[in-house]
Amino acid sequence: DEYVKCIKEQNRDRLMELLTNARVEEQLLKRLKAKAIIYG
């Protein structure tokens, strides 16, 4: 329902907030660094 509301309002900033998960992004970057070191 929140996504539908934002889409109808064309609220890009709020959509970006809903889509962003800082914790997951931080975990991704840590995992990526470990992989790049090991594979390299």
PDB file of all heavy atoms in Angstrom:
ATOM      1  N   ASP A   1       0.826  -1.216   0.000  1.00  0.00           N
ATOM      2  CA  ASP A   1       0.000   0.000   0.000  1.00  0.00           C
ATOM      3  C   ASP A   1       0.857   1.261   0.000  1.00  0.00           C
ATOM      4  O   ASP A   1       0.512   2.257  -0.655  1.00  0.00           O
ATOM      5  CB  ASP A   1      -0.928   0.005   1.212  1.00  0.00           C
ATOM      6  CG  ASP A   1      -2.032  -1.049   1.098  1.00  0.00           C
ATOM      7  OD1 ASP A   1      -2.242  -1.561  -0.018  1.00  0.00           O
ATOM      8  OD2 ASP A   1      -2.659  -1.366   2.133  1.00  0.00           O
ATOM      9  N   GLU A   2       1.965   1.208   0.723  1.00  0.00           N
ATOM     10  CA  GLU A   2       2.860   2.369   0.764  1.00  0.00           C
ATOM     11  C   GLU A   2       3.490   2.617  -0.608  1.00  0.00           C
ATOM     12  O   GLU A   2       3.614   3.766  -1.052  1.00  0.00           O
ATOM     13  CB  GLU A   2       3.950   2.148   1.814  1.00  0.00           C
ATOM     14  CG  GLU A   2       4.947   3.291   1.949  1.00  0.00           C
ATOM     15  CD  GLU A   2       4.361   4.545   2.576  1.00  0.00           C
ATOM     16  OE1 GLU A   2       3.224   4.470   3.093  1.00  0.00           O
ATOM     17  OE2 GLU A   2       5.028   5.590   2.542  1.00  0.00           O
ATOM     18  N   TYR A   3       3.875   1.537  -1.271  1.00  0.00           N
ATOM     19  CA  TYR A   3       4.434   1.689  -2.621  1.00  0.00           C
ATOM     20  C   TYR A   3       3.392   2.263  -3.578  1.00  0.00           C
ATOM     21  O   TYR A   3       3.693   3.155  -4.383  1.00  0.00           O
ATOM     22  CB  TYR A   3       4.950   0.346  -3.142  1.00  0.00           C
ATOM     23  CG  TYR A   3       6.350   0.014  -2.675  1.00  0.00           C
ATOM     24  CD1 TYR A   3       6.591  -1.001  -1.755  1.00  0.00           C
ATOM     25  CD2 TYR A   3       7.451   0.722  -3.160  1.00  0.00           C
ATOM     26  CE1 TYR A   3       7.864  -1.300  -1.327  1.00  0.00           C
ATOM     27  CE2 TYR A   3       8.742   0.438  -2.742  1.00  0.00           C
ATOM     28  CZ  TYR A   3       8.936  -0.581  -1.823  1.00  0.00           C
ATOM     29  OH  TYR A   3      10.214  -0.863  -1.402  1.00  0.00           O
ATOM     30  N   VAL A   4       2.183   1.760  -3.518  1.00  0.00           N
ATOM     31  CA  VAL A   4       1.125   2.256  -4.397  1.00  0.00           C
ATOM     32  C   VAL A   4       0.901   3.754  -4.168  1.00  0.00           C
ATOM     33  O   VAL A   4       0.765   4.536  -5.122  1.00  0.00           O
ATOM     34  CB  VAL A   4      -0.184   1.472  -4.174  1.00  0.00           C
ATOM     35  CG1 VAL A   4      -1.345   2.143  -4.901  1.00  0.00           C
ATOM     36  CG2 VAL A   4      -0.030   0.026  -4.640  1.00  0.00           C
ATOM     37  N   LYS A   5       0.868   4.156  -2.904  1.00  0.00           N
ATOM     38  CA  LYS A   5       0.679   5.573  -2.561  1.00  0.00           C
ATOM     39  C   LYS A   5       1.797   6.430  -3.175  1.00  0.00           C
ATOM     40  O   LYS A   5       1.537   7.479  -3.780  1.00  0.00           O
ATOM     41  CB  LYS A   5       0.657   5.729  -1.042  1.00  0.00           C
ATOM     42  CG  LYS A   5       0.481   7.158  -0.548  1.00  0.00           C
ATOM     43  CD  LYS A   5       0.374   7.174   0.980  1.00  0.00           C
ATOM     44  CE  LYS A   5       0.171   8.592   1.523  1.00  0.00           C
ATOM     45  NZ  LYS A   5       1.371   9.424   1.328  1.00  0.00           N
ATOM     46  N   CYS A   6       3.042   5.983  -3.011  1.00  0.00           N
ATOM     47  CA  CYS A   6       4.181   6.743  -3.529  1.00  0.00           C
ATOM     48  C   CYS A   6       4.160   6.812  -5.053  1.00  0.00           C
ATOM     49  O   CYS A   6       4.507   7.842  -5.650  1.00  0.00           O
ATOM     50  CB  CYS A   6       5.487   6.127  -3.060  1.00  0.00           C
ATOM     51  SG  CYS A   6       5.786   6.287  -1.293  1.00  0.00           S
ATOM     52  N   ILE A   7       3.773   5.710  -5.678  1.00  0.00           N
ATOM     53  CA  ILE A   7       3.720   5.682  -7.143  1.00  0.00           C
ATOM     54  C   ILE A   7       2.660   6.652  -7.649  1.00  0.00           C
ATOM     55  O   ILE A   7       2.901   7.415  -8.595  1.00  0.00           O
ATOM     56  CB  ILE A   7       3.445   4.248  -7.638  1.00  0.00           C
ATOM     57  CG1 ILE A   7       4.641   3.338  -7.306  1.00  0.00           C
ATOM     58  CG2 ILE A   7       3.182   4.240  -9.144  1.00  0.00           C
ATOM     59  CD1 ILE A   7       4.352   1.866  -7.485  1.00  0.00           C
ATOM     60  N   LYS A   8       1.509   6.640  -7.034  1.00  0.00           N
ATOM     61  CA  LYS A   8       0.434   7.545  -7.459  1.00  0.00           C
ATOM     62  C   LYS A   8       0.832   8.999  -7.258  1.00  0.00           C
ATOM     63  O   LYS A   8       0.431   9.878  -8.033  1.00  0.00           O
ATOM     64  CB  LYS A   8      -0.846   7.221  -6.704  1.00  0.00           C
ATOM     65  CG  LYS A   8      -1.483   5.906  -7.139  1.00  0.00           C
ATOM     66  CD  LYS A   8      -2.781   5.636  -6.395  1.00  0.00           C
ATOM     67  CE  LYS A   8      -3.463   4.376  -6.906  1.00  0.00           C
ATOM     68  NZ  LYS A   8      -4.725   4.077  -6.181  1.00  0.00           N
ATOM     69  N   GLU A   9       1.642   9.254  -6.222  1.00  0.00           N
ATOM     70  CA  GLU A   9       2.110  10.623  -5.960  1.00  0.00           C
ATOM     71  C   GLU A   9       3.370  10.951  -6.753  1.00  0.00           C
ATOM     72  O   GLU A   9       3.846  12.091  -6.700  1.00  0.00           O
ATOM     73  CB  GLU A   9       2.389  10.794  -4.461  1.00  0.00           C
ATOM     74  CG  GLU A   9       1.150  10.679  -3.573  1.00  0.00           C
ATOM     75  CD  GLU A   9       1.496  10.714  -2.090  1.00  0.00           C
ATOM     76  OE1 GLU A   9       2.705  10.653  -1.762  1.00  0.00           O
ATOM     77  OE2 GLU A   9       0.570  10.797  -1.271  1.00  0.00           O
ATOM     78  N   GLN A  10       3.920   9.948  -7.455  1.00  0.00           N
ATOM     79  CA  GLN A  10       5.188  10.098  -8.191  1.00  0.00           C
ATOM     80  C   GLN A  10       6.296  10.618  -7.262  1.00  0.00           C
ATOM     81  O   GLN A  10       7.105  11.480  -7.645  1.00  0.00           O
ATOM     82  CB  GLN A  10       5.015  11.023  -9.394  1.00  0.00           C
ATOM     83  CG  GLN A  10       4.061  10.480 -10.448  1.00  0.00           C
ATOM     84  CD  GLN A  10       4.658   9.317 -11.233  1.00  0.00           C
ATOM     85  OE1 GLN A  10       5.476   9.516 -12.131  1.00  0.00           O
ATOM     86  NE2 GLN A  10       4.254   8.086 -10.896  1.00  0.00           N
ATOM     87  N   ASN A  11       6.329  10.055  -6.060  1.00  0.00           N
ATOM     88  CA  ASN A  11       7.270  10.482  -5.035  1.00  0.00           C
ATOM     89  C   ASN A  11       8.535   9.634  -5.112  1.00  0.00           C
ATOM     90  O   ASN A  11       8.675   8.604  -4.447  1.00  0.00           O
ATOM     91  CB  ASN A  11       6.616  10.355  -3.654  1.00  0.00           C
ATOM     92  CG  ASN A  11       7.445  11.013  -2.560  1.00  0.00           C
ATOM     93  OD1 ASN A  11       8.654  11.207  -2.707  1.00  0.00           O
ATOM     94  ND2 ASN A  11       6.787  11.381  -1.471  1.00  0.00           N
ATOM     95  N   ARG A  12       9.480  10.078  -5.912  1.00  0.00           N
ATOM     96  CA  ARG A  12      10.713   9.318  -6.122  1.00  0.00           C
ATOM     97  C   ARG A  12      11.562   9.245  -4.853  1.00  0.00           C
ATOM     98  O   ARG A  12      12.181   8.213  -4.572  1.00  0.00           O
ATOM     99  CB  ARG A  12      11.533   9.938  -7.260  1.00  0.00           C
ATOM    100  CG  ARG A  12      10.892   9.792  -8.624  1.00  0.00           C
ATOM    101  CD  ARG A  12      11.675  10.541  -9.696  1.00  0.00           C
ATOM    102  NE  ARG A  12      11.079  10.389 -11.012  1.00  0.00           N
ATOM    103  CZ  ARG A  12      11.379   9.427 -11.876  1.00  0.00           C
ATOM    104  NH1 ARG A  12      12.319   8.543 -11.553  1.00  0.00           N
ATOM    105  NH2 ARG A  12      10.785   9.360 -13.046  1.00  0.00           N
ATOM    106  N   ASP A  13      11.622  10.325  -4.111  1.00  0.00           N
ATOM    107  CA  ASP A  13      12.453  10.341  -2.900  1.00  0.00           C
ATOM    108  C   ASP A  13      11.965   9.319  -1.883  1.00  0.00           C
ATOM    109  O   ASP A  13      12.767   8.597  -1.270  1.00  0.00           O
ATOM    110  CB  ASP A  13      12.452  11.739  -2.276  1.00  0.00           C
ATOM    111  CG  ASP A  13      13.179  12.756  -3.131  1.00  0.00           C
ATOM    112  OD1 ASP A  13      13.991  12.344  -3.983  1.00  0.00           O
ATOM    113  OD2 ASP A  13      12.928  13.967  -2.951  1.00  0.00           O
ATOM    114  N   ARG A  14      10.668   9.242  -1.699  1.00  0.00           N
ATOM    115  CA  ARG A  14      10.122   8.279  -0.738  1.00  0.00           C
ATOM    116  C   ARG A  14      10.310   6.848  -1.236  1.00  0.00           C
ATOM    117  O   ARG A  14      10.599   5.944  -0.447  1.00  0.00           O
ATOM    118  CB  ARG A  14       8.635   8.570  -0.502  1.00  0.00           C
ATOM    119  CG  ARG A  14       7.949   7.602   0.459  1.00  0.00           C
ATOM    120  CD  ARG A  14       8.635   7.540   1.803  1.00  0.00           C
ATOM    121  NE  ARG A  14       7.988   6.568   2.687  1.00  0.00           N
ATOM    122  CZ  ARG A  14       8.609   5.913   3.654  1.00  0.00           C
ATOM    123  NH1 ARG A  14       9.910   6.124   3.878  1.00  0.00           N
ATOM    124  NH2 ARG A  14       7.933   5.067   4.405  1.00  0.00           N
ATOM    125  N   LEU A  15      10.171   6.647  -2.532  1.00  0.00           N
ATOM    126  CA  LEU A  15      10.428   5.314  -3.093  1.00  0.00           C
ATOM    127  C   LEU A  15      11.872   4.899  -2.837  1.00  0.00           C
ATOM    128  O   LEU A  15      12.143   3.749  -2.476  1.00  0.00           O
ATOM    129  CB  LEU A  15      10.142   5.295  -4.597  1.00  0.00           C
ATOM    130  CG  LEU A  15       8.678   5.242  -5.021  1.00  0.00           C
ATOM    131  CD1 LEU A  15       8.555   5.396  -6.526  1.00  0.00           C
ATOM    132  CD2 LEU A  15       8.030   3.937  -4.561  1.00  0.00           C
ATOM    133  N   MET A  16      12.793   5.824  -3.007  1.00  0.00           N
ATOM    134  CA  MET A  16      14.198   5.522  -2.750  1.00  0.00           C
ATOM    135  C   MET A  16      14.409   5.139  -1.288  1.00  0.00           C
ATOM    136  O   MET A  16      15.171   4.212  -0.971  1.00  0.00           O
ATOM    137  CB  MET A  16      15.072   6.723  -3.129  1.00  0.00           C
ATOM    138  CG  MET A  16      16.567   6.473  -2.990  1.00  0.00           C
ATOM    139  SD  MET A  16      17.192   5.210  -4.110  1.00  0.00           S
ATOM    140  CE  MET A  16      17.224   6.125  -5.665  1.00  0.00           C
ATOM    141  N   GLU A  17      13.731   5.830  -0.378  1.00  0.00           N
ATOM    142  CA  GLU A  17      13.829   5.498   1.045  1.00  0.00           C
ATOM    143  C   GLU A  17      13.304   4.093   1.319  1.00  0.00           C
ATOM    144  O   GLU A  17      13.911   3.316   2.071  1.00  0.00           O
ATOM    145  CB  GLU A  17      13.039   6.514   1.875  1.00  0.00           C
ATOM    146  CG  GLU A  17      13.641   7.904   1.919  1.00  0.00           C
ATOM    147  CD  GLU A  17      12.769   8.870   2.706  1.00  0.00           C
ATOM    148  OE1 GLU A  17      11.802   8.406   3.347  1.00  0.00           O
ATOM    149  OE2 GLU A  17      13.041  10.085   2.684  1.00  0.00           O
ATOM    150  N   LEU A  18      12.184   3.761   0.731  1.00  0.00           N
ATOM    151  CA  LEU A  18      11.589   2.440   0.941  1.00  0.00           C
ATOM    152  C   LEU A  18      12.485   1.333   0.396  1.00  0.00           C
ATOM    153  O   LEU A  18      12.571   0.244   0.977  1.00  0.00           O
ATOM    154  CB  LEU A  18      10.219   2.369   0.257  1.00  0.00           C
ATOM    155  CG  LEU A  18       9.081   3.169   0.897  1.00  0.00           C
ATOM    156  CD1 LEU A  18       7.858   3.174  -0.016  1.00  0.00           C
ATOM    157  CD2 LEU A  18       8.716   2.580   2.260  1.00  0.00           C
ATOM    158  N   LEU A  19      13.155   1.600  -0.705  1.00  0.00           N
ATOM    159  CA  LEU A  19      13.981   0.586  -1.354  1.00  0.00           C
ATOM    160  C   LEU A  19      15.334   0.405  -0.681  1.00  0.00           C
ATOM    161  O   LEU A  19      15.968  -0.649  -0.830  1.00  0.00           O
ATOM    162  CB  LEU A  19      14.205   0.959  -2.828  1.00  0.00           C
ATOM    163  CG  LEU A  19      12.977   0.893  -3.733  1.00  0.00           C
ATOM    164  CD1 LEU A  19      13.242   1.624  -5.038  1.00  0.00           C
ATOM    165  CD2 LEU A  19      12.590  -0.556  -4.010  1.00  0.00           C
ATOM    166  N   THR A  20      15.795   1.401   0.040  1.00  0.00           N
ATOM    167  CA  THR A  20      17.145   1.377   0.607  1.00  0.00           C
ATOM    168  C   THR A  20      17.184   0.619   1.924  1.00  0.00           C
ATOM    169  O   THR A  20      16.385   0.864   2.824  1.00  0.00           O
ATOM    170  CB  THR A  20      17.655   2.816   0.823  1.00  0.00           C
ATOM    171  OG1 THR A  20      17.690   3.497  -0.437  1.00  0.00           O
ATOM    172  CG2 THR A  20      19.049   2.800   1.437  1.00  0.00           C
ATOM    173  N   ASN A  21      18.121  -0.312   2.009  1.00  0.00           N
ATOM    174  CA  ASN A  21      18.388  -1.053   3.244  1.00  0.00           C
ATOM    175  C   ASN A  21      19.873  -0.927   3.526  1.00  0.00           C
ATOM    176  O   ASN A  21      20.693  -1.673   2.975  1.00  0.00           O
ATOM    177  CB  ASN A  21      17.965  -2.514   3.096  1.00  0.00           C
ATOM    178  CG  ASN A  21      18.049  -3.282   4.413  1.00  0.00           C
ATOM    179  OD1 ASN A  21      18.936  -3.047   5.226  1.00  0.00           O
ATOM    180  ND2 ASN A  21      17.126  -4.209   4.621  1.00  0.00           N
ATOM    181  N   ALA A  22      20.243   0.034   4.360  1.00  0.00           N
ATOM    182  CA  ALA A  22      21.651   0.346   4.607  1.00  0.00           C
ATOM    183  C   ALA A  22      22.408  -0.847   5.172  1.00  0.00           C
ATOM    184  O   ALA A  22      23.576  -1.076   4.832  1.00  0.00           O
ATOM    185  CB  ALA A  22      21.760   1.536   5.555  1.00  0.00           C
ATOM    186  N   ARG A  23      21.756  -1.634   6.022  1.00  0.00           N
ATOM    187  CA  ARG A  23      22.423  -2.791   6.630  1.00  0.00           C
ATOM    188  C   ARG A  23      22.785  -3.828   5.570  1.00  0.00           C
ATOM    189  O   ARG A  23      23.905  -4.356   5.560  1.00  0.00           O
ATOM    190  CB  ARG A  23      21.529  -3.414   7.691  1.00  0.00           C
ATOM    191  CG  ARG A  23      22.154  -4.619   8.403  1.00  0.00           C
ATOM    192  CD  ARG A  23      21.197  -5.214   9.410  1.00  0.00           C
ATOM    193  NE  ARG A  23      19.985  -5.692   8.770  1.00  0.00           N
ATOM    194  CZ  ARG A  23      19.895  -6.896   8.186  1.00  0.00           C
ATOM    195  NH1 ARG A  23      20.939  -7.710   8.147  1.00  0.00           N
ATOM    196  NH2 ARG A  23      18.767  -7.278   7.621  1.00  0.00           N
ATOM    197  N   VAL A  24      21.859  -4.098   4.666  1.00  0.00           N
ATOM    198  CA  VAL A  24      22.120  -5.061   3.593  1.00  0.00           C
ATOM    199  C   VAL A  24      23.224  -4.555   2.670  1.00  0.00           C
ATOM    200  O   VAL A  24      24.105  -5.323   2.246  1.00  0.00           O
ATOM    201  CB  VAL A  24      20.827  -5.333   2.797  1.00  0.00           C
ATOM    202  CG1 VAL A  24      21.128  -6.135   1.529  1.00  0.00           C
ATOM    203  CG2 VAL A  24      19.818  -6.078   3.657  1.00  0.00           C
ATOM    204  N   GLU A  25      23.222  -3.264   2.371  1.00  0.00           N
ATOM    205  CA  GLU A  25      24.257  -2.694   1.510  1.00  0.00           C
ATOM    206  C   GLU A  25      25.628  -2.793   2.162  1.00  0.00           C
ATOM    207  O   GLU A  25      26.631  -3.104   1.500  1.00  0.00           O
ATOM    208  CB  GLU A  25      23.918  -1.242   1.175  1.00  0.00           C
ATOM    209  CG  GLU A  25      22.702  -1.098   0.276  1.00  0.00           C
ATOM    210  CD  GLU A  25      22.352   0.351  -0.010  1.00  0.00           C
ATOM    211  OE1 GLU A  25      23.176   1.240   0.325  1.00  0.00           O
ATOM    212  OE2 GLU A  25      21.264   0.601  -0.562  1.00  0.00           O
ATOM    213  N   GLU A  26      25.694  -2.548   3.467  1.00  0.00           N
ATOM    214  CA  GLU A  26      26.963  -2.658   4.184  1.00  0.00           C
ATOM    215  C   GLU A  26      27.472  -4.098   4.168  1.00  0.00           C
ATOM    216  O   GLU A  26      28.666  -4.344   3.946  1.00  0.00           O
ATOM    217  CB  GLU A  26      26.790  -2.186   5.628  1.00  0.00           C
ATOM    218  CG  GLU A  26      28.085  -2.220   6.434  1.00  0.00           C
ATOM    219  CD  GLU A  26      27.886  -1.757   7.869  1.00  0.00           C
ATOM    220  OE1 GLU A  26      26.738  -1.426   8.235  1.00  0.00           O
ATOM    221  OE2 GLU A  26      28.884  -1.727   8.616  1.00  0.00           O
ATOM    222  N   GLN A  27      26.587  -5.053   4.372  1.00  0.00           N
ATOM    223  CA  GLN A  27      26.973  -6.463   4.332  1.00  0.00           C
ATOM    224  C   GLN A  27      27.461  -6.849   2.937  1.00  0.00           C
ATOM    225  O   GLN A  27      28.437  -7.594   2.791  1.00  0.00           O
ATOM    226  CB  GLN A  27      25.787  -7.345   4.727  1.00  0.00           C
ATOM    227  CG  GLN A  27      25.404  -7.246   6.201  1.00  0.00           C
ATOM    228  CD  GLN A  27      24.149  -8.053   6.525  1.00  0.00           C
ATOM    229  OE1 GLN A  27      23.353  -8.383   5.635  1.00  0.00           O
ATOM    230  NE2 GLN A  27      23.954  -8.363   7.796  1.00  0.00           N
ATOM    231  N   LEU A  28      26.791  -6.339   1.921  1.00  0.00           N
ATOM    232  CA  LEU A  28      27.195  -6.620   0.544  1.00  0.00           C
ATOM    233  C   LEU A  28      28.620  -6.150   0.293  1.00  0.00           C
ATOM    234  O   LEU A  28      29.439  -6.886  -0.278  1.00  0.00           O
ATOM    235  CB  LEU A  28      26.225  -5.937  -0.414  1.00  0.00           C
ATOM    236  CG  LEU A  28      26.383  -6.141  -1.924  1.00  0.00           C
ATOM    237  CD1 LEU A  28      25.077  -5.821  -2.635  1.00  0.00           C
ATOM    238  CD2 LEU A  28      27.483  -5.270  -2.520  1.00  0.00           C
ATOM    239  N   LEU A  29      28.939  -4.930   0.708  1.00  0.00           N
ATOM    240  CA  LEU A  29      30.267  -4.377   0.453  1.00  0.00           C
ATOM    241  C   LEU A  29      31.351  -5.132   1.214  1.00  0.00           C
ATOM    242  O   LEU A  29      32.455  -5.351   0.686  1.00  0.00           O
ATOM    243  CB  LEU A  29      30.287  -2.890   0.814  1.00  0.00           C
ATOM    244  CG  LEU A  29      29.383  -1.992  -0.043  1.00  0.00           C
ATOM    245  CD1 LEU A  29      29.403  -0.564   0.474  1.00  0.00           C
ATOM    246  CD2 LEU A  29      29.801  -2.039  -1.514  1.00  0.00           C
ATOM    247  N   LYS A  30      31.052  -5.560   2.420  1.00  0.00           N
ATOM    248  CA  LYS A  30      32.019  -6.360   3.174  1.00  0.00           C
ATOM    249  C   LYS A  30      32.257  -7.702   2.506  1.00  0.00           C
ATOM    250  O   LYS A  30      33.395  -8.173   2.399  1.00  0.00           O
ATOM    251  CB  LYS A  30      31.523  -6.563   4.613  1.00  0.00           C
ATOM    252  CG  LYS A  30      31.592  -5.320   5.486  1.00  0.00           C
ATOM    253  CD  LYS A  30      31.109  -5.611   6.898  1.00  0.00           C
ATOM    254  CE  LYS A  30      31.225  -4.380   7.790  1.00  0.00           C
ATOM    255  NZ  LYS A  30      30.719  -4.651   9.165  1.00  0.00           N
ATOM    256  N   ARG A  31      31.169  -8.334   2.069  1.00  0.00           N
ATOM    257  CA  ARG A  31      31.279  -9.632   1.393  1.00  0.00           C
ATOM    258  C   ARG A  31      32.060  -9.476   0.090  1.00  0.00           C
ATOM    259  O   ARG A  31      32.905 -10.307  -0.264  1.00  0.00           O
ATOM    260  CB  ARG A  31      29.887 -10.175   1.120  1.00  0.00           C
ATOM    261  CG  ARG A  31      29.869 -11.537   0.415  1.00  0.00           C
ATOM    262  CD  ARG A  31      28.470 -12.064   0.241  1.00  0.00           C
ATOM    263  NE  ARG A  31      27.665 -11.247  -0.649  1.00  0.00           N
ATOM    264  CZ  ARG A  31      26.600 -10.547  -0.279  1.00  0.00           C
ATOM    265  NH1 ARG A  31      26.210 -10.530   0.976  1.00  0.00           N
ATOM    266  NH2 ARG A  31      25.920  -9.840  -1.163  1.00  0.00           N
ATOM    267  N   LEU A  32      31.789  -8.393  -0.625  1.00  0.00           N
ATOM    268  CA  LEU A  32      32.450  -8.151  -1.895  1.00  0.00           C
ATOM    269  C   LEU A  32      33.959  -7.959  -1.707  1.00  0.00           C
ATOM    270  O   LEU A  32      34.767  -8.481  -2.492  1.00  0.00           O
ATOM    271  CB  LEU A  32      31.840  -6.913  -2.549  1.00  0.00           C
ATOM    272  CG  LEU A  32      32.075  -6.733  -4.031  1.00  0.00           C
ATOM    273  CD1 LEU A  32      31.281  -7.757  -4.823  1.00  0.00           C
ATOM    274  CD2 LEU A  32      31.681  -5.324  -4.463  1.00  0.00           C
ATOM    275  N   LYS A  33      34.331  -7.240  -0.660  1.00  0.00           N
ATOM    276  CA  LYS A  33      35.754  -7.024  -0.402  1.00  0.00           C
ATOM    277  C   LYS A  33      36.452  -8.338  -0.099  1.00  0.00           C
ATOM    278  O   LYS A  33      37.543  -8.621  -0.631  1.00  0.00           O
ATOM    279  CB  LYS A  33      35.944  -6.051   0.762  1.00  0.00           C
ATOM    280  CG  LYS A  33      37.413  -5.768   1.081  1.00  0.00           C
ATOM    281  CD  LYS A  33      37.558  -4.716   2.174  1.00  0.00           C
ATOM    282  CE  LYS A  33      39.024  -4.414   2.452  1.00  0.00           C
ATOM    283  NZ  LYS A  33      39.193  -3.372   3.497  1.00  0.00           N
ATOM    284  N   ALA A  34      35.835  -9.164   0.732  1.00  0.00           N
ATOM    285  CA  ALA A  34      36.433 -10.465   1.068  1.00  0.00           C
ATOM    286  C   ALA A  34      36.586 -11.320  -0.183  1.00  0.00           C
ATOM    287  O   ALA A  34      37.625 -11.959  -0.393  1.00  0.00           O
ATOM    288  CB  ALA A  34      35.578 -11.182   2.108  1.00  0.00           C
ATOM    289  N   LYS A  35      35.561 -11.340  -1.021  1.00  0.00           N
ATOM    290  CA  LYS A  35      35.632 -12.133  -2.252  1.00  0.00           C
ATOM    291  C   LYS A  35      36.734 -11.615  -3.176  1.00  0.00           C
ATOM    292  O   LYS A  35      37.496 -12.405  -3.744  1.00  0.00           O
ATOM    293  CB  LYS A  35      34.291 -12.076  -2.990  1.00  0.00           C
ATOM    294  CG  LYS A  35      33.185 -12.916  -2.390  1.00  0.00           C
ATOM    295  CD  LYS A  35      31.943 -12.802  -3.253  1.00  0.00           C
ATOM    296  CE  LYS A  35      30.811 -13.669  -2.754  1.00  0.00           C
ATOM    297  NZ  LYS A  35      29.626 -13.594  -3.635  1.00  0.00           N
ATOM    298  N   ALA A  36      36.788 -10.288  -3.353  1.00  0.00           N
ATOM    299  CA  ALA A  36      37.772  -9.713  -4.264  1.00  0.00           C
ATOM    300  C   ALA A  36      39.191 -10.001  -3.785  1.00  0.00           C
ATOM    301  O   ALA A  36      40.097 -10.218  -4.600  1.00  0.00           O
ATOM    302  CB  ALA A  36      37.549  -8.208  -4.402  1.00  0.00           C
ATOM    303  N   ILE A  37      39.395 -10.014  -2.470  1.00  0.00           N
ATOM    304  CA  ILE A  37      40.714 -10.325  -1.923  1.00  0.00           C
ATOM    305  C   ILE A  37      41.046 -11.798  -2.154  1.00  0.00           C
ATOM    306  O   ILE A  37      42.133 -12.144  -2.634  1.00  0.00           O
ATOM    307  CB  ILE A  37      40.779  -9.976  -0.422  1.00  0.00           C
ATOM    308  CG1 ILE A  37      40.691  -8.459  -0.221  1.00  0.00           C
ATOM    309  CG2 ILE A  37      42.064 -10.515   0.198  1.00  0.00           C
ATOM    310  CD1 ILE A  37      40.594  -8.039   1.230  1.00  0.00           C
ATOM    311  N   ILE A  38      40.118 -12.669  -1.814  1.00  0.00           N
ATOM    312  CA  ILE A  38      40.384 -14.108  -1.924  1.00  0.00           C
ATOM    313  C   ILE A  38      40.523 -14.531  -3.382  1.00  0.00           C
ATOM    314  O   ILE A  38      41.489 -15.202  -3.762  1.00  0.00           O
ATOM    315  CB  ILE A  38      39.261 -14.910  -1.239  1.00  0.00           C
ATOM    316  CG1 ILE A  38      39.275 -14.642   0.266  1.00  0.00           C
ATOM    317  CG2 ILE A  38      39.429 -16.406  -1.500  1.00  0.00           C
ATOM    318  CD1 ILE A  38      38.098 -15.230   1.012  1.00  0.00           C
ATOM    319  N   TYR A  39      39.569 -14.147  -4.225  1.00  0.00           N
ATOM    320  CA  TYR A  39      39.619 -14.558  -5.627  1.00  0.00           C
ATOM    321  C   TYR A  39      40.816 -13.949  -6.350  1.00  0.00           C
ATOM    322  O   TYR A  39      41.298 -14.524  -7.333  1.00  0.00           O
ATOM    323  CB  TYR A  39      38.342 -14.141  -6.359  1.00  0.00           C
ATOM    324  CG  TYR A  39      37.068 -14.740  -5.832  1.00  0.00           C
ATOM    325  CD1 TYR A  39      35.829 -14.204  -6.187  1.00  0.00           C
ATOM    326  CD2 TYR A  39      37.071 -15.836  -4.974  1.00  0.00           C
ATOM    327  CE1 TYR A  39      34.643 -14.744  -5.712  1.00  0.00           C
ATOM    328  CE2 TYR A  39      35.895 -16.372  -4.485  1.00  0.00           C
ATOM    329  CZ  TYR A  39      34.684 -15.818  -4.848  1.00  0.00           C
ATOM    330  OH  TYR A  39      33.519 -16.347  -4.377  1.00  0.00           O
ATOM    331  N   GLY A  40      41.271 -12.788  -5.869  1.00  0.00           N
ATOM    332  CA  GLY A  40      42.357 -12.100  -6.553  1.00  0.00           C
ATOM    333  C   GLY A  40      43.737 -12.554  -6.166  1.00  0.00           C
ATOM    334  O   GLY A  40      44.725 -12.075  -6.728  1.00  0.00           O
TER     335      GLY A  40
END
